[in-house]
């Protein structure tokens, strides 16, 4: 049986707290994005989740 653990440890493995992670592609679903990761120290696979919020808009002004 696999138990799902959640912990606030951005950039670190949930199980061993190592920052020696290999990240996969970013995935997005609505206002949540996440990265899958593999820990190079303990072998754990997990995900880092983030809330997406609007920051600002930009535009390039035409040059003459």
Protein backbone atom coordinates (compact mmCIF):
# COMPACT_ATOMS: atom_id res chain seq x y z
CA UNK A 1 0.00 0.00 0.00
CA UNK A 2 1.29 3.49 -0.88
CA UNK A 3 0.58 6.37 1.48
CA UNK A 4 0.36 9.86 -0.02
CA UNK A 5 2.41 12.30 2.08
CA UNK A 6 2.13 16.08 1.84
CA UNK A 7 4.71 18.46 3.26
CA UNK A 8 5.69 22.10 2.68
CA UNK A 9 9.24 21.58 1.40
CA UNK A 10 9.64 23.45 -1.88
CA UNK A 11 12.70 22.23 -3.78
CA UNK A 12 13.23 19.21 -1.52
CA UNK A 13 12.14 15.57 -1.38
CA UNK A 14 9.09 14.97 0.82
CA UNK A 15 10.65 11.83 2.32
CA UNK A 16 14.34 12.62 2.89
CA UNK A 17 14.44 16.45 2.47
CA UNK A 18 17.23 16.23 -0.13
CA UNK A 19 17.45 18.97 -2.75
CA UNK A 20 19.13 16.55 -5.18
CA UNK A 21 16.08 16.24 -7.45
CA UNK A 22 15.54 15.67 -11.16
CA UNK A 23 12.41 17.49 -12.37
CA UNK A 24 10.12 16.48 -15.19
CA UNK A 25 7.98 18.73 -17.35
CA UNK A 26 5.66 21.35 -15.89
CA UNK A 27 1.98 20.36 -16.01
CA UNK A 28 -0.97 22.73 -15.67
CA UNK A 29 -4.60 22.12 -14.70
CA UNK A 30 -6.65 25.28 -14.23
CA UNK A 31 -4.98 27.38 -11.54
CA UNK A 32 -2.62 24.62 -10.34
CA UNK A 33 0.71 23.68 -11.89
CA UNK A 34 3.07 20.94 -10.81
CA UNK A 35 6.35 19.27 -11.55
CA UNK A 36 7.03 15.57 -11.14
CA UNK A 37 10.40 14.84 -9.54
CA UNK A 38 12.71 11.92 -8.79
CA UNK A 39 14.98 12.12 -5.76
CA UNK A 40 18.55 11.09 -6.55
CA UNK A 41 19.27 10.31 -2.88
CA UNK A 42 16.39 8.10 -1.67
CA UNK A 43 14.76 7.14 -5.00
CA UNK A 44 11.37 8.66 -4.12
CA UNK A 45 9.16 10.01 -6.92
CA UNK A 46 6.82 12.87 -6.13
CA UNK A 47 5.29 16.13 -7.28
CA UNK A 48 5.70 19.82 -6.38
CA UNK A 49 2.44 21.79 -6.66
CA UNK A 50 2.03 25.55 -7.12
CA UNK A 51 -0.96 27.92 -7.24
CA UNK A 52 -1.01 30.08 -10.36
CA UNK A 53 -2.00 33.72 -9.94
CA UNK A 54 -1.92 36.71 -12.24
CA UNK A 55 1.11 39.00 -11.81
CA UNK A 56 1.11 41.64 -14.60
CA UNK A 57 0.86 42.25 -18.35
CA UNK A 58 3.46 43.65 -20.75
CA UNK A 59 3.42 45.01 -24.29
CA UNK A 60 6.06 46.19 -26.72
CA UNK A 61 5.58 49.71 -28.03
CA UNK A 62 6.06 50.10 -31.79
CA UNK A 63 9.27 51.90 -32.74
CA UNK A 64 9.41 54.52 -35.46
